[in-house]
Amino acid sequence: METEDDMPAARPEFVYVSEAEAWAALKTDDGGPIAAEVTRLVIELARRSKTRARNGAQGGLQARARCPIERVAVAMMSVCRASVAPVH
């Protein structure tokens, strides 16, 4: 279920995955479906961010995580943005 903010919805089978489980899955060589879902969410957040920038939108994404796995995706996206932020 998508809302008016920029956060893509986690698939129903991942809504109850804890943040600890999501981070643990990302640390393994083969994180399986949990890592794949976090990756899907991060890619979708990046796509939406790029679309907003291309359309001249000011400010960042309005991504409001509704469940733990979405919070992990938002945290990863924040790290990605910080690592590519221009130096002034």
Protein backbone atom coordinates (compact mmCIF):
# COMPACT_ATOMS: atom_id res chain seq x y z
CA MET A 1 0.00 0.00 0.00
CA GLU A 2 1.66 3.22 -1.18
CA THR A 3 1.00 6.46 0.64
CA GLU A 4 1.45 10.10 -0.40
CA ASP A 5 5.02 10.19 0.85
CA ASP A 6 8.04 8.92 -1.08
CA MET A 7 8.47 5.67 0.86
CA PRO A 8 7.86 2.54 -1.17
CA ALA A 9 5.91 -0.09 0.73
CA ALA A 10 7.59 -3.22 1.98
CA ARG A 11 6.02 -6.38 0.66
CA PRO A 12 3.58 -7.88 3.19
CA GLU A 13 5.75 -10.90 3.97
CA PHE A 14 8.56 -8.58 5.20
CA VAL A 15 6.55 -6.15 7.33
CA TYR A 16 7.32 -8.01 10.57
CA VAL A 17 11.04 -8.56 9.95
CA SER A 18 12.94 -6.80 12.73
CA GLU A 19 15.65 -4.25 12.10
CA ALA A 20 18.18 -6.64 13.65
CA GLU A 21 17.14 -9.42 11.24
CA ALA A 22 17.38 -7.05 8.27
CA TRP A 23 20.86 -5.79 9.24
CA ALA A 24 22.02 -9.37 9.89
CA ALA A 25 20.79 -10.46 6.46
CA LEU A 26 22.70 -7.61 4.82
CA LYS A 27 25.93 -8.71 6.52
CA THR A 28 25.91 -12.21 5.05
CA ASP A 29 27.27 -13.26 1.67
CA ASP A 30 23.80 -14.41 0.66
CA GLY A 31 21.26 -12.39 2.62
CA GLY A 32 18.46 -14.14 0.81
CA PRO A 33 15.00 -12.66 0.45
CA ILE A 34 15.32 -10.22 3.37
CA ALA A 35 18.43 -8.56 1.90
CA ALA A 36 16.77 -8.58 -1.51
CA GLU A 37 13.76 -6.73 -0.10
CA VAL A 38 15.94 -4.09 1.59
CA THR A 39 17.82 -3.68 -1.68
CA ARG A 40 14.55 -3.32 -3.61
CA LEU A 41 13.40 -0.59 -1.21
CA VAL A 42 16.73 1.30 -1.42
CA ILE A 43 16.72 1.14 -5.22
CA GLU A 44 13.15 2.43 -5.32
CA LEU A 45 14.01 5.25 -2.89
CA ALA A 46 16.99 6.19 -5.09
CA ARG A 47 14.80 6.15 -8.20
CA ARG A 48 12.24 8.40 -6.53
CA SER A 49 14.96 10.74 -5.28
CA LYS A 50 16.40 11.01 -8.79
CA THR A 51 12.95 11.70 -10.24
CA ARG A 52 12.32 14.44 -7.66
CA ALA A 53 15.67 16.07 -8.43
CA ARG A 54 15.07 15.86 -12.16
CA ASN A 55 11.68 17.54 -11.70
CA GLY A 56 13.28 20.38 -9.73
CA ALA A 57 11.82 19.45 -6.34
CA GLN A 58 13.46 21.15 -3.40
CA GLY A 59 14.43 19.25 -0.27
CA GLY A 60 14.88 15.57 0.32
CA LEU A 61 12.53 12.67 0.11
CA GLN A 62 9.58 12.54 2.44
CA ALA A 63 10.17 8.88 3.31
CA ARG A 64 8.27 7.84 6.42
CA ALA A 65 9.08 4.24 7.26
CA ARG A 66 6.09 2.27 8.50
CA CYS A 67 7.89 -0.90 9.57
CA PRO A 68 11.38 -2.01 10.65
CA ILE A 69 12.63 -3.18 7.24
CA GLU A 70 11.64 0.19 5.74
CA ARG A 71 13.62 1.94 8.51
CA VAL A 72 16.70 -0.05 7.49
CA ALA A 73 16.21 0.98 3.86
CA VAL A 74 15.89 4.65 4.86
CA ALA A 75 19.04 4.37 7.00
CA MET A 76 20.94 2.83 4.09
CA MET A 77 19.71 5.55 1.76
CA SER A 78 20.90 8.19 4.25
CA VAL A 79 24.37 6.62 4.28
CA CYS A 80 24.41 6.54 0.48
CA ARG A 81 23.47 10.22 0.27
CA ALA A 82 26.09 11.20 2.85
CA SER A 83 28.80 9.31 1.00
CA VAL A 84 28.13 11.15 -2.27
CA ALA A 85 27.35 14.59 -0.85
CA PRO A 86 29.39 17.33 -2.51
CA VAL A 87 32.14 18.92 -0.47
CA HIS A 88 31.94 22.72 -0.31
